[in-house]
Amino acid sequence: MRHRIPVAALLVLAVVSATADAAPGAAAQREIDGLMQALEDSGCRFQRNGTWYPASDARSHLQRKYDYLLKRDQADTAEQFIERAASRSSMSGKPYRVSCPGHAEQDSAPWFQQQLVQLRGH
């Protein structure tokens, strides 16, 4: 006895499968790239696990984390990037910190959220 799968069911499976492997949309990708560029251009220092790094080194580190998340389809929005890559160390769980000239040192999550608001023009 043969089992036949209706064509419509196969199409639904194909769409679901393609959606599961989808990368962030173009707008989200632009925002994430914009956040990393804002850090690099900021003149700020970035603290990771108690050590301060120049913004260019921080951007490289965050790019590696973002690439890791992309392979696992875990960073589809700028908010997910901030939460999962740019807020805290994956190893120690310690929050990242940002120190910018003329401003109080702060955790990186609010700094990136503020940059996102500026990118979106709000």
PDB file of N, CA and C in Angstrom:
ATOM      1  N   MET A   1       0.837  -1.167   0.000  1.00  0.00           N
ATOM      2  CA  MET A   1       0.000   0.000   0.000  1.00  0.00           C
ATOM      3  C   MET A   1       0.885   1.234   0.000  1.00  0.00           C
ATOM      4  N   ARG A   2       0.651   2.116  -0.914  1.00  0.00           N
ATOM      5  CA  ARG A   2       1.450   3.329  -1.032  1.00  0.00           C
ATOM      6  C   ARG A   2       0.749   4.478  -0.329  1.00  0.00           C
ATOM      7  N   HIS A   3       1.579   5.299   0.340  1.00  0.00           N
ATOM      8  CA  HIS A   3       1.053   6.506   0.971  1.00  0.00           C
ATOM      9  C   HIS A   3       1.433   7.679   0.092  1.00  0.00           C
ATOM     10  N   ARG A   4       0.467   8.481  -0.203  1.00  0.00           N
ATOM     11  CA  ARG A   4       0.735   9.649  -1.029  1.00  0.00           C
ATOM     12  C   ARG A   4       0.566  10.904  -0.186  1.00  0.00           C
ATOM     13  N   ILE A   5       1.547  11.771  -0.303  1.00  0.00           N
ATOM     14  CA  ILE A   5       1.484  13.049   0.398  1.00  0.00           C
ATOM     15  C   ILE A   5       0.942  14.073  -0.585  1.00  0.00           C
ATOM     16  N   PRO A   6      -0.113  14.748  -0.217  1.00  0.00           N
ATOM     17  CA  PRO A   6      -0.677  15.745  -1.130  1.00  0.00           C
ATOM     18  C   PRO A   6       0.358  16.826  -1.478  1.00  0.00           C
ATOM     19  N   VAL A   7       0.289  17.312  -2.697  1.00  0.00           N
ATOM     20  CA  VAL A   7       1.206  18.337  -3.176  1.00  0.00           C
ATOM     21  C   VAL A   7       1.151  19.573  -2.280  1.00  0.00           C
ATOM     22  N   ALA A   8      -0.018  19.952  -1.836  1.00  0.00           N
ATOM     23  CA  ALA A   8      -0.159  21.133  -0.970  1.00  0.00           C
ATOM     24  C   ALA A   8       0.644  20.965   0.315  1.00  0.00           C
ATOM     25  N   ALA A   9       0.645  19.764   0.875  1.00  0.00           N
ATOM     26  CA  ALA A   9       1.411  19.514   2.103  1.00  0.00           C
ATOM     27  C   ALA A   9       2.903  19.656   1.838  1.00  0.00           C
ATOM     28  N   LEU A  10       3.355  19.193   0.692  1.00  0.00           N
ATOM     29  CA  LEU A  10       4.772  19.344   0.349  1.00  0.00           C
ATOM     30  C   LEU A  10       5.148  20.807   0.192  1.00  0.00           C
ATOM     31  N   LEU A  11       4.264  21.589  -0.408  1.00  0.00           N
ATOM     32  CA  LEU A  11       4.534  23.015  -0.563  1.00  0.00           C
ATOM     33  C   LEU A  11       4.619  23.712   0.785  1.00  0.00           C
ATOM     34  N   VAL A  12       3.733  23.369   1.700  1.00  0.00           N
ATOM     35  CA  VAL A  12       3.764  23.959   3.040  1.00  0.00           C
ATOM     36  C   VAL A  12       5.075  23.608   3.732  1.00  0.00           C
ATOM     37  N   LEU A  13       5.501  22.356   3.629  1.00  0.00           N
ATOM     38  CA  LEU A  13       6.770  21.952   4.228  1.00  0.00           C
ATOM     39  C   LEU A  13       7.943  22.709   3.619  1.00  0.00           C
ATOM     40  N   ALA A  14       7.923  22.921   2.326  1.00  0.00           N
ATOM     41  CA  ALA A  14       8.999  23.654   1.663  1.00  0.00           C
ATOM     42  C   ALA A  14       9.058  25.098   2.144  1.00  0.00           C
ATOM     43  N   VAL A  15       7.908  25.739   2.300  1.00  0.00           N
ATOM     44  CA  VAL A  15       7.870  27.129   2.761  1.00  0.00           C
ATOM     45  C   VAL A  15       8.342  27.228   4.199  1.00  0.00           C
ATOM     46  N   VAL A  16       7.879  26.325   5.051  1.00  0.00           N
ATOM     47  CA  VAL A  16       8.297  26.326   6.457  1.00  0.00           C
ATOM     48  C   VAL A  16       9.801  26.091   6.552  1.00  0.00           C
ATOM     49  N   SER A  17      10.311  25.173   5.787  1.00  0.00           N
ATOM     50  CA  SER A  17      11.737  24.881   5.799  1.00  0.00           C
ATOM     51  C   SER A  17      12.554  26.078   5.330  1.00  0.00           C
ATOM     52  N   ALA A  18      12.127  26.736   4.289  1.00  0.00           N
ATOM     53  CA  ALA A  18      12.841  27.914   3.779  1.00  0.00           C
ATOM     54  C   ALA A  18      12.783  29.053   4.779  1.00  0.00           C
ATOM     55  N   THR A  19      11.659  29.226   5.453  1.00  0.00           N
ATOM     56  CA  THR A  19      11.511  30.288   6.440  1.00  0.00           C
ATOM     57  C   THR A  19      12.414  30.045   7.642  1.00  0.00           C
ATOM     58  N   ALA A  20      12.563  28.794   8.051  1.00  0.00           N
ATOM     59  CA  ALA A  20      13.395  28.478   9.212  1.00  0.00           C
ATOM     60  C   ALA A  20      14.858  28.824   8.957  1.00  0.00           C
ATOM     61  N   ASP A  21      15.294  28.767   7.706  1.00  0.00           N
ATOM     62  CA  ASP A  21      16.679  29.052   7.385  1.00  0.00           C
ATOM     63  C   ASP A  21      16.896  30.496   6.931  1.00  0.00           C
ATOM     64  N   ALA A  22      15.878  31.314   7.045  1.00  0.00           N
ATOM     65  CA  ALA A  22      15.965  32.686   6.536  1.00  0.00           C
ATOM     66  C   ALA A  22      16.921  33.514   7.383  1.00  0.00           C
ATOM     67  N   ALA A  23      17.665  34.359   6.707  1.00  0.00           N
ATOM     68  CA  ALA A  23      18.566  35.302   7.374  1.00  0.00           C
ATOM     69  C   ALA A  23      17.768  36.542   7.749  1.00  0.00           C
ATOM     70  N   PRO A  24      18.354  37.428   8.548  1.00  0.00           N
ATOM     71  CA  PRO A  24      17.652  38.670   8.869  1.00  0.00           C
ATOM     72  C   PRO A  24      17.292  39.421   7.595  1.00  0.00           C
ATOM     73  N   GLY A  25      16.188  40.130   7.636  1.00  0.00           N
ATOM     74  CA  GLY A  25      15.794  40.939   6.493  1.00  0.00           C
ATOM     75  C   GLY A  25      16.786  42.060   6.249  1.00  0.00           C
ATOM     76  N   ALA A  26      16.644  42.698   5.092  1.00  0.00           N
ATOM     77  CA  ALA A  26      17.577  43.760   4.712  1.00  0.00           C
ATOM     78  C   ALA A  26      17.569  44.907   5.715  1.00  0.00           C
ATOM     79  N   ALA A  27      16.392  45.287   6.200  1.00  0.00           N
ATOM     80  CA  ALA A  27      16.312  46.396   7.162  1.00  0.00           C
ATOM     81  C   ALA A  27      17.023  46.041   8.472  1.00  0.00           C
ATOM     82  N   ALA A  28      16.810  44.824   8.959  1.00  0.00           N
ATOM     83  CA  ALA A  28      17.472  44.390  10.201  1.00  0.00           C
ATOM     84  C   ALA A  28      18.982  44.323  10.002  1.00  0.00           C
ATOM     85  N   GLN A  29      19.408  43.825   8.853  1.00  0.00           N
ATOM     86  CA  GLN A  29      20.844  43.742   8.574  1.00  0.00           C
ATOM     87  C   GLN A  29      21.474  45.133   8.544  1.00  0.00           C
ATOM     88  N   ARG A  30      20.781  46.099   7.925  1.00  0.00           N
ATOM     89  CA  ARG A  30      21.287  47.486   7.901  1.00  0.00           C
ATOM     90  C   ARG A  30      21.385  48.055   9.311  1.00  0.00           C
ATOM     91  N   GLU A  31      20.389  47.775  10.137  1.00  0.00           N
ATOM     92  CA  GLU A  31      20.426  48.276  11.515  1.00  0.00           C
ATOM     93  C   GLU A  31      21.577  47.670  12.307  1.00  0.00           C
ATOM     94  N   ILE A  32      21.780  46.373  12.175  1.00  0.00           N
ATOM     95  CA  ILE A  32      22.859  45.706  12.905  1.00  0.00           C
ATOM     96  C   ILE A  32      24.208  46.223  12.425  1.00  0.00           C
ATOM     97  N   ASP A  33      24.367  46.342  11.122  1.00  0.00           N
ATOM     98  CA  ASP A  33      25.607  46.920  10.582  1.00  0.00           C
ATOM     99  C   ASP A  33      25.781  48.353  11.087  1.00  0.00           C
ATOM    100  N   GLY A  34      24.681  49.109  11.133  1.00  0.00           N
ATOM    101  CA  GLY A  34      24.733  50.488  11.622  1.00  0.00           C
ATOM    102  C   GLY A  34      25.130  50.564  13.081  1.00  0.00           C
ATOM    103  N   LEU A  35      24.650  49.611  13.891  1.00  0.00           N
ATOM    104  CA  LEU A  35      25.025  49.589  15.309  1.00  0.00           C
ATOM    105  C   LEU A  35      26.518  49.318  15.471  1.00  0.00           C
ATOM    106  N   MET A  36      27.033  48.383  14.710  1.00  0.00           N
ATOM    107  CA  MET A  36      28.464  48.086  14.821  1.00  0.00           C
ATOM    108  C   MET A  36      29.306  49.248  14.292  1.00  0.00           C
ATOM    109  N   GLN A  37      28.835  49.893  13.243  1.00  0.00           N
ATOM    110  CA  GLN A  37      29.558  51.058  12.717  1.00  0.00           C
ATOM    111  C   GLN A  37      29.512  52.209  13.711  1.00  0.00           C
ATOM    112  N   ALA A  38      28.361  52.399  14.367  1.00  0.00           N
ATOM    113  CA  ALA A  38      28.238  53.461  15.373  1.00  0.00           C
ATOM    114  C   ALA A  38      29.237  53.239  16.500  1.00  0.00           C
ATOM    115  N   LEU A  39      29.416  51.994  16.920  1.00  0.00           N
ATOM    116  CA  LEU A  39      30.406  51.696  17.958  1.00  0.00           C
ATOM    117  C   LEU A  39      31.807  52.029  17.457  1.00  0.00           C
ATOM    118  N   GLU A  40      32.135  51.573  16.277  1.00  0.00           N
ATOM    119  CA  GLU A  40      33.488  51.796  15.753  1.00  0.00           C
ATOM    120  C   GLU A  40      33.793  53.287  15.593  1.00  0.00           C
ATOM    121  N   ASP A  41      32.799  54.063  15.181  1.00  0.00           N
ATOM    122  CA  ASP A  41      32.989  55.497  14.954  1.00  0.00           C
ATOM    123  C   ASP A  41      32.853  56.347  16.222  1.00  0.00           C
ATOM    124  N   SER A  42      32.483  55.748  17.324  1.00  0.00           N
ATOM    125  CA  SER A  42      32.095  56.489  18.524  1.00  0.00           C
ATOM    126  C   SER A  42      33.249  57.121  19.298  1.00  0.00           C
ATOM    127  N   GLY A  43      34.431  56.549  19.206  1.00  0.00           N
ATOM    128  CA  GLY A  43      35.524  57.006  20.057  1.00  0.00           C
ATOM    129  C   GLY A  43      35.412  56.462  21.475  1.00  0.00           C
ATOM    130  N   CYS A  44      34.447  55.570  21.689  1.00  0.00           N
ATOM    131  CA  CYS A  44      34.232  54.977  23.011  1.00  0.00           C
ATOM    132  C   CYS A  44      35.174  53.788  23.214  1.00  0.00           C
ATOM    133  N   ARG A  45      35.327  53.427  24.478  1.00  0.00           N
ATOM    134  CA  ARG A  45      36.027  52.192  24.831  1.00  0.00           C
ATOM    135  C   ARG A  45      34.963  51.181  25.229  1.00  0.00           C
ATOM    136  N   PHE A  46      35.303  49.913  25.090  1.00  0.00           N
ATOM    137  CA  PHE A  46      34.350  48.827  25.309  1.00  0.00           C
ATOM    138  C   PHE A  46      34.970  47.843  26.285  1.00  0.00           C
ATOM    139  N   GLN A  47      34.279  47.581  27.389  1.00  0.00           N
ATOM    140  CA  GLN A  47      34.813  46.664  28.395  1.00  0.00           C
ATOM    141  C   GLN A  47      34.189  45.287  28.246  1.00  0.00           C
ATOM    142  N   ARG A  48      35.082  44.301  28.219  1.00  0.00           N
ATOM    143  CA  ARG A  48      34.665  42.908  28.117  1.00  0.00           C
ATOM    144  C   ARG A  48      35.426  42.127  29.172  1.00  0.00           C
ATOM    145  N   ASN A  49      34.698  41.532  30.112  1.00  0.00           N
ATOM    146  CA  ASN A  49      35.302  40.722  31.182  1.00  0.00           C
ATOM    147  C   ASN A  49      36.413  41.464  31.918  1.00  0.00           C
ATOM    148  N   GLY A  50      36.159  42.740  32.217  1.00  0.00           N
ATOM    149  CA  GLY A  50      37.079  43.528  33.030  1.00  0.00           C
ATOM    150  C   GLY A  50      38.207  44.208  32.276  1.00  0.00           C
ATOM    151  N   THR A  51      38.330  43.983  30.976  1.00  0.00           N
ATOM    152  CA  THR A  51      39.389  44.601  30.181  1.00  0.00           C
ATOM    153  C   THR A  51      38.779  45.561  29.176  1.00  0.00           C
ATOM    154  N   TRP A  52      39.386  46.752  29.066  1.00  0.00           N
ATOM    155  CA  TRP A  52      38.904  47.763  28.122  1.00  0.00           C
ATOM    156  C   TRP A  52      39.569  47.568  26.767  1.00  0.00           C
ATOM    157  N   TYR A  53      38.768  47.717  25.716  1.00  0.00           N
ATOM    158  CA  TYR A  53      39.236  47.565  24.341  1.00  0.00           C
ATOM    159  C   TYR A  53      38.830  48.784  23.530  1.00  0.00           C
ATOM    160  N   PRO A  54      39.625  49.117  22.511  1.00  0.00           N
ATOM    161  CA  PRO A  54      39.188  50.180  21.602  1.00  0.00           C
ATOM    162  C   PRO A  54      37.952  49.709  20.815  1.00  0.00           C
ATOM    163  N   ALA A  55      37.194  50.669  20.340  1.00  0.00           N
ATOM    164  CA  ALA A  55      35.946  50.354  19.640  1.00  0.00           C
ATOM    165  C   ALA A  55      36.159  49.441  18.436  1.00  0.00           C
ATOM    166  N   SER A  56      37.253  49.599  17.725  1.00  0.00           N
ATOM    167  CA  SER A  56      37.500  48.754  16.544  1.00  0.00           C
ATOM    168  C   SER A  56      37.663  47.287  16.939  1.00  0.00           C
ATOM    169  N   ASP A  57      38.343  47.022  18.057  1.00  0.00           N
ATOM    170  CA  ASP A  57      38.484  45.648  18.544  1.00  0.00           C
ATOM    171  C   ASP A  57      37.139  45.105  19.010  1.00  0.00           C
ATOM    172  N   ALA A  58      36.358  45.963  19.654  1.00  0.00           N
ATOM    173  CA  ALA A  58      35.034  45.545  20.117  1.00  0.00           C
ATOM    174  C   ALA A  58      34.154  45.182  18.930  1.00  0.00           C
ATOM    175  N   ARG A  59      34.229  45.988  17.881  1.00  0.00           N
ATOM    176  CA  ARG A  59      33.416  45.684  16.694  1.00  0.00           C
ATOM    177  C   ARG A  59      33.807  44.318  16.127  1.00  0.00           C
ATOM    178  N   SER A  60      35.080  44.042  16.036  1.00  0.00           N
ATOM    179  CA  SER A  60      35.529  42.739  15.512  1.00  0.00           C
ATOM    180  C   SER A  60      34.990  41.600  16.364  1.00  0.00           C
ATOM    181  N   HIS A  61      35.045  41.779  17.672  1.00  0.00           N
ATOM    182  CA  HIS A  61      34.536  40.759  18.592  1.00  0.00           C
ATOM    183  C   HIS A  61      33.034  40.561  18.390  1.00  0.00           C
ATOM    184  N   LEU A  62      32.284  41.649  18.325  1.00  0.00           N
ATOM    185  CA  LEU A  62      30.836  41.549  18.148  1.00  0.00           C
ATOM    186  C   LEU A  62      30.483  40.958  16.786  1.00  0.00           C
ATOM    187  N   GLN A  63      31.284  41.240  15.779  1.00  0.00           N
ATOM    188  CA  GLN A  63      31.037  40.649  14.457  1.00  0.00           C
ATOM    189  C   GLN A  63      31.178  39.132  14.523  1.00  0.00           C
ATOM    190  N   ARG A  64      32.190  38.649  15.236  1.00  0.00           N
ATOM    191  CA  ARG A  64      32.355  37.196  15.387  1.00  0.00           C
ATOM    192  C   ARG A  64      31.161  36.586  16.120  1.00  0.00           C
ATOM    193  N   LYS A  65      30.694  37.259  17.170  1.00  0.00           N
ATOM    194  CA  LYS A  65      29.529  36.757  17.900  1.00  0.00           C
ATOM    195  C   LYS A  65      28.291  36.767  17.011  1.00  0.00           C
ATOM    196  N   TYR A  66      28.129  37.830  16.243  1.00  0.00           N
ATOM    197  CA  TYR A  66      26.984  37.936  15.345  1.00  0.00           C
ATOM    198  C   TYR A  66      27.029  36.846  14.277  1.00  0.00           C
ATOM    199  N   ASP A  67      28.202  36.603  13.695  1.00  0.00           N
ATOM    200  CA  ASP A  67      28.348  35.545  12.692  1.00  0.00           C
ATOM    201  C   ASP A  67      27.953  34.189  13.284  1.00  0.00           C
ATOM    202  N   TYR A  68      28.360  33.943  14.524  1.00  0.00           N
ATOM    203  CA  TYR A  68      27.992  32.703  15.221  1.00  0.00           C
ATOM    204  C   TYR A  68      26.472  32.597  15.350  1.00  0.00           C
ATOM    205  N   LEU A  69      25.837  33.691  15.763  1.00  0.00           N
ATOM    206  CA  LEU A  69      24.386  33.687  15.918  1.00  0.00           C
ATOM    207  C   LEU A  69      23.675  33.510  14.579  1.00  0.00           C
ATOM    208  N   LEU A  70      24.202  34.124  13.534  1.00  0.00           N
ATOM    209  CA  LEU A  70      23.595  33.990  12.203  1.00  0.00           C
ATOM    210  C   LEU A  70      23.574  32.534  11.759  1.00  0.00           C
ATOM    211  N   LYS A  71      24.649  31.813  11.997  1.00  0.00           N
ATOM    212  CA  LYS A  71      24.716  30.405  11.600  1.00  0.00           C
ATOM    213  C   LYS A  71      23.652  29.577  12.312  1.00  0.00           C
ATOM    214  N   ARG A  72      23.219  30.050  13.452  1.00  0.00           N
ATOM    215  CA  ARG A  72      22.222  29.328  14.242  1.00  0.00           C
ATOM    216  C   ARG A  72      20.839  29.976  14.158  1.00  0.00           C
ATOM    217  N   ASP A  73      20.706  30.964  13.257  1.00  0.00           N
ATOM    218  CA  ASP A  73      19.436  31.679  13.046  1.00  0.00           C
ATOM    219  C   ASP A  73      18.899  32.246  14.364  1.00  0.00           C
ATOM    220  N   GLN A  74      19.782  32.943  15.111  1.00  0.00           N
ATOM    221  CA  GLN A  74      19.405  33.468  16.419  1.00  0.00           C
ATOM    222  C   GLN A  74      19.541  34.984  16.520  1.00  0.00           C
ATOM    223  N   ALA A  75      19.643  35.673  15.395  1.00  0.00           N
ATOM    224  CA  ALA A  75      19.767  37.140  15.434  1.00  0.00           C
ATOM    225  C   ALA A  75      19.057  37.732  14.219  1.00  0.00           C
ATOM    226  N   ASP A  76      17.733  37.665  14.239  1.00  0.00           N
ATOM    227  CA  ASP A  76      16.941  38.136  13.099  1.00  0.00           C
ATOM    228  C   ASP A  76      16.594  39.614  13.180  1.00  0.00           C
ATOM    229  N   THR A  77      16.810  40.237  14.340  1.00  0.00           N
ATOM    230  CA  THR A  77      16.470  41.651  14.510  1.00  0.00           C
ATOM    231  C   THR A  77      17.620  42.358  15.228  1.00  0.00           C
ATOM    232  N   ALA A  78      17.601  43.674  15.148  1.00  0.00           N
ATOM    233  CA  ALA A  78      18.609  44.460  15.872  1.00  0.00           C
ATOM    234  C   ALA A  78      18.463  44.245  17.376  1.00  0.00           C
ATOM    235  N   GLU A  79      17.237  44.120  17.844  1.00  0.00           N
ATOM    236  CA  GLU A  79      17.015  43.888  19.273  1.00  0.00           C
ATOM    237  C   GLU A  79      17.628  42.555  19.709  1.00  0.00           C
ATOM    238  N   GLN A  80      17.494  41.523  18.881  1.00  0.00           N
ATOM    239  CA  GLN A  80      18.111  40.232  19.212  1.00  0.00           C
ATOM    240  C   GLN A  80      19.631  40.336  19.190  1.00  0.00           C
ATOM    241  N   PHE A  81      20.172  41.093  18.250  1.00  0.00           N
ATOM    242  CA  PHE A  81      21.614  41.304  18.218  1.00  0.00           C
ATOM    243  C   PHE A  81      22.083  41.951  19.520  1.00  0.00           C
ATOM    244  N   ILE A  82      21.377  42.990  19.955  1.00  0.00           N
ATOM    245  CA  ILE A  82      21.755  43.675  21.198  1.00  0.00           C
ATOM    246  C   ILE A  82      21.677  42.712  22.371  1.00  0.00           C
ATOM    247  N   GLU A  83      20.570  41.992  22.468  1.00  0.00           N
ATOM    248  CA  GLU A  83      20.351  41.090  23.595  1.00  0.00           C
ATOM    249  C   GLU A  83      21.326  39.914  23.601  1.00  0.00           C
ATOM    250  N   ARG A  84      21.562  39.314  22.452  1.00  0.00           N
ATOM    251  CA  ARG A  84      22.303  38.058  22.393  1.00  0.00           C
ATOM    252  C   ARG A  84      23.790  38.204  22.101  1.00  0.00           C
ATOM    253  N   ALA A  85      24.199  39.343  21.534  1.00  0.00           N
ATOM    254  CA  ALA A  85      25.617  39.497  21.179  1.00  0.00           C
ATOM    255  C   ALA A  85      26.271  40.690  21.850  1.00  0.00           C
ATOM    256  N   ALA A  86      25.565  41.807  21.965  1.00  0.00           N
ATOM    257  CA  ALA A  86      26.211  43.067  22.338  1.00  0.00           C
ATOM    258  C   ALA A  86      26.004  43.479  23.799  1.00  0.00           C
ATOM    259  N   SER A  87      25.369  42.654  24.592  1.00  0.00           N
ATOM    260  CA  SER A  87      25.046  43.056  25.967  1.00  0.00           C
ATOM    261  C   SER A  87      25.946  42.454  27.042  1.00  0.00           C
ATOM    262  N   ARG A  88      26.368  41.219  26.822  1.00  0.00           N
ATOM    263  CA  ARG A  88      27.128  40.539  27.880  1.00  0.00           C
ATOM    264  C   ARG A  88      28.015  39.449  27.299  1.00  0.00           C
ATOM    265  N   SER A  89      28.974  39.057  28.096  1.00  0.00           N
ATOM    266  CA  SER A  89      29.886  37.995  27.705  1.00  0.00           C
ATOM    267  C   SER A  89      29.161  36.657  27.709  1.00  0.00           C
ATOM    268  N   SER A  90      29.343  35.906  26.652  1.00  0.00           N
ATOM    269  CA  SER A  90      28.763  34.561  26.588  1.00  0.00           C
ATOM    270  C   SER A  90      29.496  33.610  27.524  1.00  0.00           C
ATOM    271  N   MET A  91      30.748  33.930  27.827  1.00  0.00           N
ATOM    272  CA  MET A  91      31.564  33.056  28.677  1.00  0.00           C
ATOM    273  C   MET A  91      31.298  33.296  30.165  1.00  0.00           C
ATOM    274  N   SER A  92      31.383  34.561  30.589  1.00  0.00           N
ATOM    275  CA  SER A  92      31.266  34.868  32.017  1.00  0.00           C
ATOM    276  C   SER A  92      29.870  35.333  32.418  1.00  0.00           C
ATOM    277  N   GLY A  93      29.084  35.818  31.458  1.00  0.00           N
ATOM    278  CA  GLY A  93      27.767  36.372  31.768  1.00  0.00           C
ATOM    279  C   GLY A  93      27.826  37.814  32.245  1.00  0.00           C
ATOM    280  N   LYS A  94      29.042  38.370  32.367  1.00  0.00           N
ATOM    281  CA  LYS A  94      29.191  39.754  32.818  1.00  0.00           C
ATOM    282  C   LYS A  94      28.731  40.713  31.730  1.00  0.00           C
ATOM    283  N   PRO A  95      28.038  41.786  32.153  1.00  0.00           N
ATOM    284  CA  PRO A  95      27.612  42.777  31.148  1.00  0.00           C
ATOM    285  C   PRO A  95      28.817  43.485  30.532  1.00  0.00           C
ATOM    286  N   TYR A  96      28.698  43.778  29.250  1.00  0.00           N
ATOM    287  CA  TYR A  96      29.683  44.632  28.597  1.00  0.00           C
ATOM    288  C   TYR A  96      29.423  46.061  29.053  1.00  0.00           C
ATOM    289  N   ARG A  97      30.482  46.888  29.035  1.00  0.00           N
ATOM    290  CA  ARG A  97      30.371  48.290  29.426  1.00  0.00           C
ATOM    291  C   ARG A  97      30.906  49.162  28.299  1.00  0.00           C
ATOM    292  N   VAL A  98      30.405  50.374  28.227  1.00  0.00           N
ATOM    293  CA  VAL A  98      30.858  51.346  27.235  1.00  0.00           C
ATOM    294  C   VAL A  98      31.244  52.620  27.974  1.00  0.00           C
ATOM    295  N   SER A  99      32.401  53.165  27.622  1.00  0.00           N
ATOM    296  CA  SER A  99      32.865  54.421  28.197  1.00  0.00           C
ATOM    297  C   SER A  99      33.179  55.371  27.042  1.00  0.00           C
ATOM    298  N   CYS A 100      32.382  56.432  26.945  1.00  0.00           N
ATOM    299  CA  CYS A 100      32.535  57.405  25.859  1.00  0.00           C
ATOM    300  C   CYS A 100      33.001  58.739  26.424  1.00  0.00           C
ATOM    301  N   PRO A 101      33.842  59.446  25.687  1.00  0.00           N
ATOM    302  CA  PRO A 101      34.325  60.752  26.162  1.00  0.00           C
ATOM    303  C   PRO A 101      33.158  61.689  26.489  1.00  0.00           C
ATOM    304  N   GLY A 102      33.221  62.286  27.690  1.00  0.00           N
ATOM    305  CA  GLY A 102      32.204  63.251  28.098  1.00  0.00           C
ATOM    306  C   GLY A 102      30.911  62.653  28.615  1.00  0.00           C
ATOM    307  N   HIS A 103      30.854  61.312  28.733  1.00  0.00           N
ATOM    308  CA  HIS A 103      29.637  60.650  29.203  1.00  0.00           C
ATOM    309  C   HIS A 103      29.985  59.654  30.301  1.00  0.00           C
ATOM    310  N   ALA A 104      29.016  59.380  31.156  1.00  0.00           N
ATOM    311  CA  ALA A 104      29.220  58.395  32.213  1.00  0.00           C
ATOM    312  C   ALA A 104      29.325  56.996  31.604  1.00  0.00           C
ATOM    313  N   GLU A 105      30.172  56.188  32.198  1.00  0.00           N
ATOM    314  CA  GLU A 105      30.293  54.782  31.799  1.00  0.00           C
ATOM    315  C   GLU A 105      28.934  54.109  32.003  1.00  0.00           C
ATOM    316  N   GLN A 106      28.577  53.194  31.106  1.00  0.00           N
ATOM    317  CA  GLN A 106      27.287  52.511  31.234  1.00  0.00           C
ATOM    318  C   GLN A 106      27.361  51.102  30.653  1.00  0.00           C
ATOM    319  N   ASP A 107      26.366  50.283  30.994  1.00  0.00           N
ATOM    320  CA  ASP A 107      26.255  48.975  30.361  1.00  0.00           C
ATOM    321  C   ASP A 107      26.034  49.179  28.868  1.00  0.00           C
ATOM    322  N   SER A 108      26.481  48.228  28.083  1.00  0.00           N
ATOM    323  CA  SER A 108      26.398  48.388  26.630  1.00  0.00           C
ATOM    324  C   SER A 108      24.978  48.267  26.081  1.00  0.00           C
ATOM    325  N   ALA A 109      24.106  47.482  26.725  1.00  0.00           N
ATOM    326  CA  ALA A 109      22.750  47.296  26.183  1.00  0.00           C
ATOM    327  C   ALA A 109      22.015  48.627  26.030  1.00  0.00           C
ATOM    328  N   PRO A 110      21.937  49.480  27.068  1.00  0.00           N
ATOM    329  CA  PRO A 110      21.256  50.765  26.877  1.00  0.00           C
ATOM    330  C   PRO A 110      21.951  51.654  25.853  1.00  0.00           C
ATOM    331  N   TRP A 111      23.285  51.566  25.784  1.00  0.00           N
ATOM    332  CA  TRP A 111      24.012  52.363  24.798  1.00  0.00           C
ATOM    333  C   TRP A 111      23.602  51.950  23.383  1.00  0.00           C
ATOM    334  N   PHE A 112      23.578  50.638  23.127  1.00  0.00           N
ATOM    335  CA  PHE A 112      23.178  50.154  21.803  1.00  0.00           C
ATOM    336  C   PHE A 112      21.710  50.460  21.517  1.00  0.00           C
ATOM    337  N   GLN A 113      20.853  50.362  22.532  1.00  0.00           N
ATOM    338  CA  GLN A 113      19.435  50.687  22.326  1.00  0.00           C
ATOM    339  C   GLN A 113      19.269  52.155  21.940  1.00  0.00           C
ATOM    340  N   GLN A 114      20.038  53.027  22.568  1.00  0.00           N
ATOM    341  CA  GLN A 114      20.005  54.445  22.218  1.00  0.00           C
ATOM    342  C   GLN A 114      20.483  54.662  20.785  1.00  0.00           C
ATOM    343  N   GLN A 115      21.537  53.954  20.391  1.00  0.00           N
ATOM    344  CA  GLN A 115      22.035  54.060  19.020  1.00  0.00           C
ATOM    345  C   GLN A 115      20.981  53.573  18.024  1.00  0.00           C
ATOM    346  N   LEU A 116      20.248  52.521  18.384  1.00  0.00           N
ATOM    347  CA  LEU A 116      19.207  51.987  17.510  1.00  0.00           C
ATOM    348  C   LEU A 116      18.088  53.009  17.318  1.00  0.00           C
ATOM    349  N   VAL A 117      17.716  53.678  18.411  1.00  0.00           N
ATOM    350  CA  VAL A 117      16.685  54.709  18.304  1.00  0.00           C
ATOM    351  C   VAL A 117      17.151  55.813  17.343  1.00  0.00           C
ATOM    352  N   GLN A 118      18.406  56.199  17.461  1.00  0.00           N
ATOM    353  CA  GLN A 118      18.950  57.227  16.554  1.00  0.00           C
ATOM    354  C   GLN A 118      18.976  56.746  15.117  1.00  0.00           C
ATOM    355  N   LEU A 119      19.348  55.480  14.899  1.00  0.00           N
ATOM    356  CA  LEU A 119      19.359  54.940  13.544  1.00  0.00           C
ATOM    357  C   LEU A 119      17.962  54.949  12.923  1.00  0.00           C
ATOM    358  N   ARG A 120      16.985  54.669  13.750  1.00  0.00           N
ATOM    359  CA  ARG A 120      15.613  54.618  13.262  1.00  0.00           C
ATOM    360  C   ARG A 120      14.986  55.999  13.132  1.00  0.00           C
ATOM    361  N   GLY A 121      15.715  57.010  13.618  1.00  0.00           N
ATOM    362  CA  GLY A 121      15.241  58.369  13.475  1.00  0.00           C
ATOM    363  C   GLY A 121      14.131  58.781  14.408  1.00  0.00           C
ATOM    364  N   HIS A 122      14.064  58.157  15.584  1.00  0.00           N
ATOM    365  CA  HIS A 122      13.017  58.499  16.566  1.00  0.00           C
ATOM    366  C   HIS A 122      13.538  59.538  17.530  1.00  0.00           C
TER     367      HIS A 122
END
